[in-house]
Protein backbone atom coordinates (compact mmCIF):
# COMPACT_ATOMS: atom_id res chain seq x y z
CA MET A 1 -16.80 6.45 -12.11
CA LYS A 2 -15.87 8.86 -8.71
CA ILE A 3 -12.35 8.11 -7.21
CA VAL A 4 -11.69 9.48 -3.16
CA THR A 5 -8.45 8.25 -1.67
CA ILE A 6 -8.76 9.08 2.70
CA LEU A 7 -5.39 10.50 3.42
CA CYS A 8 -4.85 11.22 6.77
CA GLN A 9 -0.51 10.29 8.39
CA LYS A 10 -1.63 10.42 11.26
CA GLY A 11 -1.58 7.07 12.83
CA GLY A 12 -4.50 6.17 15.01
CA VAL A 13 -7.95 8.17 13.71
CA GLY A 14 -9.94 5.02 12.36
CA LYS A 15 -8.98 5.60 9.03
CA THR A 16 -9.33 1.91 7.54
CA THR A 17 -12.51 1.07 10.09
CA PHE A 18 -13.28 4.70 8.35
CA THR A 19 -12.99 3.85 4.69
CA VAL A 20 -14.46 0.19 5.28
CA ASN A 21 -18.06 1.34 6.53
CA LEU A 22 -17.85 3.88 4.30
CA GLY A 23 -17.59 1.68 0.90
CA LYS A 24 -20.45 -1.32 3.04
CA ILE A 25 -23.14 1.68 2.96
CA LEU A 26 -22.40 2.63 -0.70
CA SER A 27 -22.27 -0.42 -1.79
CA ASN A 28 -25.90 -1.42 0.46
CA ARG A 29 -27.61 1.34 -1.18
CA GLY A 30 -26.46 0.56 -4.96
CA PHE A 31 -23.53 2.19 -5.88
CA LYS A 32 -20.77 -0.33 -7.43
CA THR A 33 -18.21 0.38 -4.90
CA LEU A 34 -14.34 -0.89 -5.09
CA ILE A 35 -12.30 0.08 -1.79
CA ILE A 36 -8.16 -0.40 -3.26
CA ASP A 37 -5.75 -0.50 -0.35
CA THR A 38 -2.31 0.45 -0.46
CA ASP A 39 -0.86 0.54 2.69
CA PRO A 40 1.37 -2.33 2.82
CA GLN A 41 -0.62 -3.73 6.37
CA GLY A 42 -3.80 -4.84 4.81
CA ASN A 43 -5.66 -3.81 6.86
CA VAL A 44 -9.11 -3.31 4.90
CA SER A 45 -9.19 -7.11 3.98
CA THR A 46 -8.72 -8.36 7.65
CA TYR A 47 -11.48 -6.02 8.45
CA LEU A 48 -12.92 -7.94 5.79
CA ASN A 49 -12.12 -11.26 6.09
CA PHE A 50 -10.59 -11.18 2.70
CA ASN A 51 -7.66 -13.08 1.63
CA LYS A 52 -5.36 -10.72 0.56
CA ASP A 53 -2.47 -13.38 -0.71
CA GLU A 54 -4.87 -14.62 -3.00
CA GLU A 55 -3.30 -15.56 -5.74
CA ASN A 56 -5.61 -15.29 -8.19
CA ILE A 57 -6.58 -11.77 -7.20
CA ILE A 58 -5.45 -8.56 -8.24
CA ASN A 59 -3.32 -6.38 -5.80
CA SER A 60 -2.39 -3.34 -5.14
CA THR A 61 1.13 -4.19 -6.10
CA ASP A 62 0.21 -5.74 -9.49
CA ILE A 63 -1.59 -2.51 -10.46
CA LEU A 64 1.73 -0.74 -9.49
CA GLU A 65 3.67 -2.62 -12.16
CA LYS A 66 0.80 -2.77 -14.53
CA ASN A 67 -0.54 -6.31 -14.12
CA TYR A 68 -3.95 -6.61 -14.81
CA LYS A 69 -4.41 -9.96 -16.23
CA LYS A 70 -6.00 -11.09 -12.89
CA LYS A 71 -9.14 -10.60 -11.50
CA ILE A 72 -10.69 -7.82 -8.70
CA GLY A 73 -12.14 -9.88 -5.65
CA PHE A 74 -15.59 -9.65 -4.31
CA SER A 75 -16.27 -9.21 -1.06
CA SER A 76 -20.09 -9.28 -1.32
CA GLU A 77 -22.56 -7.49 -2.94
CA ASN A 78 -21.52 -4.14 -5.10
CA LEU A 79 -18.63 -4.28 -2.83
CA TYR A 80 -15.45 -5.18 -4.79
CA ILE A 81 -11.95 -5.26 -3.18
CA ILE A 82 -8.34 -4.25 -5.17
CA PRO A 83 -6.85 -5.67 -1.26
CA SER A 84 -2.70 -4.89 -0.58
CA ASN A 85 -0.06 -7.08 1.24
CA LYS A 86 4.03 -6.40 2.53
CA SER A 87 4.78 -6.77 -1.28
CA ILE A 88 4.00 -2.96 -2.23
CA MET A 89 6.72 -2.01 0.53
CA LYS A 90 8.75 -2.00 -2.77
CA HIS A 91 6.75 0.87 -3.57
CA ASN A 92 6.16 2.72 -0.85
CA ASP A 93 9.48 4.85 -0.93
CA GLU A 94 9.60 5.59 -4.72
CA LYS A 95 9.97 8.83 -6.05
CA ILE A 96 7.51 9.58 -9.06
CA ILE A 97 8.59 12.33 -10.66
CA GLY A 98 8.89 10.50 -13.91
CA GLY A 99 5.18 9.99 -14.00
CA PRO A 100 2.03 8.34 -11.46
CA LYS A 101 2.57 4.12 -12.14
CA LEU A 102 -1.40 4.22 -11.59
CA THR A 103 -2.43 6.63 -14.64
CA GLY A 104 -3.22 3.09 -16.51
CA VAL A 105 -5.23 1.26 -14.13
CA LYS A 106 -7.93 4.52 -14.89
CA GLU A 107 -9.07 2.66 -17.96
CA PHE A 108 -9.13 -1.03 -16.18
CA LEU A 109 -11.26 -0.09 -13.80
CA TYR A 110 -13.43 1.56 -15.72
CA SER A 111 -13.93 -1.49 -17.83
CA TYR A 112 -16.04 -3.03 -14.25
CA GLU A 113 -17.95 0.08 -14.38
CA PHE A 114 -17.91 0.90 -10.77
CA ASP A 115 -19.39 3.91 -9.24
CA ILE A 116 -17.28 4.81 -7.08
CA VAL A 117 -13.19 3.77 -5.36
CA ILE A 118 -12.40 4.34 -2.65
CA ILE A 119 -8.79 4.33 -1.72
CA ASP A 120 -7.06 4.03 1.44
CA THR A 121 -3.81 4.70 1.91
CA PRO A 122 -0.99 4.29 4.40
CA PRO A 123 -0.81 5.80 7.84
CA THR A 124 2.18 8.16 6.54
CA ILE A 125 3.48 11.02 4.35
CA SER A 126 4.90 8.69 1.50
CA SER A 127 4.51 8.12 -2.79
CA LEU A 128 1.98 5.38 -2.27
CA THR A 129 0.23 8.15 -0.70
CA GLN A 130 1.39 10.39 -3.75
CA GLU A 131 0.03 7.55 -6.72
CA ALA A 132 -3.62 7.79 -4.48
CA LEU A 133 -4.05 10.92 -5.31
CA ALA A 134 -2.73 11.34 -8.63
CA ILE A 135 -5.47 9.32 -10.38
CA SER A 136 -8.34 10.97 -7.93
CA ASP A 137 -11.36 12.95 -7.97
CA TYR A 138 -11.37 13.76 -4.41
CA TYR A 139 -9.60 13.26 -1.62
CA LEU A 140 -10.83 13.20 2.40
CA ILE A 141 -9.05 13.30 5.25
CA PRO A 142 -10.29 12.29 9.17
CA ALA A 143 -8.72 13.90 11.80
CA LYS A 144 -9.31 13.16 15.67
CA PRO A 145 -10.56 16.32 17.14
CA GLU A 146 -7.63 17.23 19.83
CA PHE A 147 -4.72 18.88 20.25
CA LEU A 148 -2.38 18.15 17.35
CA ALA A 149 -4.97 17.17 14.75
CA ILE A 150 -5.19 21.62 13.68
CA GLU A 151 -1.52 19.97 12.35
CA GLY A 152 -1.82 17.53 10.64
CA VAL A 153 -4.76 17.84 8.63
CA SER A 154 -2.38 21.26 7.60
CA GLN A 155 0.16 18.41 7.21
CA ALA A 156 -1.89 16.68 4.82
CA MET A 157 -3.54 19.07 3.18
CA ALA A 158 0.13 21.04 2.03
CA PHE A 159 1.23 17.15 2.08
CA ALA A 160 -2.02 17.09 -1.52
CA LYS A 161 -1.99 20.90 -2.49
CA LYS A 162 2.65 19.82 -3.46
CA THR A 163 1.27 16.17 -4.71
CA ILE A 164 -0.93 18.00 -7.25
CA SER A 165 1.55 21.05 -8.10
CA ILE A 166 4.13 18.15 -9.20
CA ILE A 167 1.87 15.59 -11.42
CA ASN A 168 0.72 16.33 -14.53
CA ASN A 169 -3.24 16.29 -15.16
CA ALA A 170 -3.45 15.57 -11.52
CA ASP A 171 -6.23 17.49 -10.25
CA PRO A 172 -8.05 16.01 -7.61
CA ILE A 173 -10.41 18.36 -5.72
CA PHE A 174 -11.04 18.27 -1.82
CA LEU A 175 -13.82 17.10 -0.06
CA GLY A 176 -13.09 17.91 3.39
CA VAL A 177 -12.14 16.62 6.62
CA ALA A 178 -14.13 14.20 8.33
CA LEU A 179 -14.79 14.15 12.38
CA ASN A 180 -13.81 10.74 13.21
CA GLN A 181 -13.82 9.04 17.10
CA VAL A 182 -15.10 12.44 18.66
CA ASP A 183 -15.77 12.53 22.03
CA THR A 184 -17.92 15.38 22.85
CA ARG A 185 -17.41 14.54 26.37
CA ARG A 186 -14.02 16.62 26.66
CA ALA A 187 -14.36 19.55 27.94
CA SER A 188 -11.72 21.05 25.25
CA PHE A 189 -13.76 18.74 22.53
CA LYS A 190 -15.90 22.62 21.57
CA ASP A 191 -12.54 24.56 21.03
CA PHE A 192 -10.80 22.16 18.26
CA GLU A 193 -14.20 21.66 16.72
CA LYS A 194 -14.55 25.78 16.98
CA GLU A 195 -10.62 26.06 15.36
CA LEU A 196 -10.85 23.07 12.48
CA ASN A 197 -14.52 24.96 11.71
CA PHE A 198 -12.69 28.66 11.70
CA LEU A 199 -9.82 27.26 9.04
CA LEU A 200 -11.82 25.02 7.23
CA SER A 201 -15.00 26.81 6.72
CA ASP A 202 -17.21 24.66 4.43
CA LYS A 203 -14.76 22.17 4.57
CA MET A 204 -15.59 20.80 7.20
CA PHE A 205 -18.31 17.11 6.79
CA ASN A 206 -20.91 18.66 9.09
CA SER A 207 -21.12 14.60 10.43
CA LYS A 208 -19.29 13.68 13.28
CA ILE A 209 -18.27 9.41 13.73
CA SER A 210 -18.16 9.25 17.58
CA GLN A 211 -15.76 7.47 19.50
CA LEU A 212 -17.55 3.61 20.05
CA THR A 213 -16.16 0.51 21.98
CA GLU A 214 -18.84 -0.85 19.46
CA ILE A 215 -17.17 0.58 16.08
CA ALA A 216 -13.80 -0.39 17.54
CA ASP A 217 -14.05 -3.66 18.04
CA SER A 218 -16.33 -3.96 14.53
CA PRO A 219 -12.54 -5.04 12.87
CA PHE A 220 -12.16 -7.87 15.47
CA TYR A 221 -15.58 -10.01 14.27
CA SER A 222 -15.51 -8.68 10.18
CA LYS A 223 -18.80 -6.14 11.34
CA THR A 224 -19.49 -3.19 9.86
CA VAL A 225 -22.37 -1.14 11.24
CA LEU A 226 -25.00 -1.65 9.03
CA ASP A 227 -24.21 -5.18 11.37
CA PHE A 228 -25.42 -3.36 14.42
CA LYS A 229 -28.90 -3.30 15.21
CA GLU A 230 -31.60 -0.41 13.85
CA HIS A 231 -31.36 1.52 15.92
CA SER A 232 -27.37 1.78 16.85
CA LYS A 233 -25.61 4.92 17.20
CA ALA A 234 -22.68 4.78 15.44
CA LYS A 235 -25.45 3.12 12.28
CA ILE A 236 -27.40 6.30 12.33
CA GLU A 237 -24.38 8.32 12.45
CA PHE A 238 -22.27 6.30 9.43
CA LEU A 239 -25.37 6.70 7.16
CA GLU A 240 -25.77 10.39 8.39
CA PHE A 241 -22.35 10.72 6.65
CA SER A 242 -23.08 8.67 3.60
CA ASN A 243 -25.81 11.35 2.66
CA GLU A 244 -23.57 14.09 3.32
CA PHE A 245 -21.00 12.71 1.30
CA ILE A 246 -23.02 11.42 -1.42
CA GLU A 247 -23.56 15.02 -1.92
CA ARG A 248 -20.78 16.43 -1.81
CA VAL A 249 -19.15 13.88 -5.16
CA GLY A 250 -22.69 14.21 -6.39
CA LEU A 251 -23.01 10.18 -7.25
């Protein structure tokens, strides 16, 4: 079982859309996949048309409070979900100096024999993101190729490194930065890409996800890129990214 945290403290980078599409593709490829939502907005559930307030389904508040008696939510073949809702807000600003609360959740997840667990985090620097990093094997940062992206990526990396340094046995590997919502028509795109490549080298994913209306609108229709036409640019790009992701994670 591989656990990957998706983090970015900047909102508007399409992090949840990115997470859900990646999870859906991996499950479609035969990997038993779980998405854990730790964002109080619970947008993963909204996207997948899943009831985040279902009483019989374990949610992210439950696993923080070590309540493992409920069952994990089923979304579609090979795709499972631990949803989030507003109840998790009470854990959002807590210090975790005494140790992360999610430590025991790995044993619970192992019993389900997942191949890959993807954790979607809030668009903030908070203890919920630290909790996710504490149990992860890898972390990944999606970013928009714009002026503030360089600073945002730097801040996210610094936050991850600080978290790793203060939590015992936390040692996730940085998978890299994935460029999302790319608009190659912008004159500045090449400059931003060049700067990020200079700073990150092999930590930049080669695959990029374009800024496309069909991706932006897909949550409204509860559709992922797998529902798009065979030759859809969005579908092709996400499939290419998933290939690179699988290789880097070692699935």
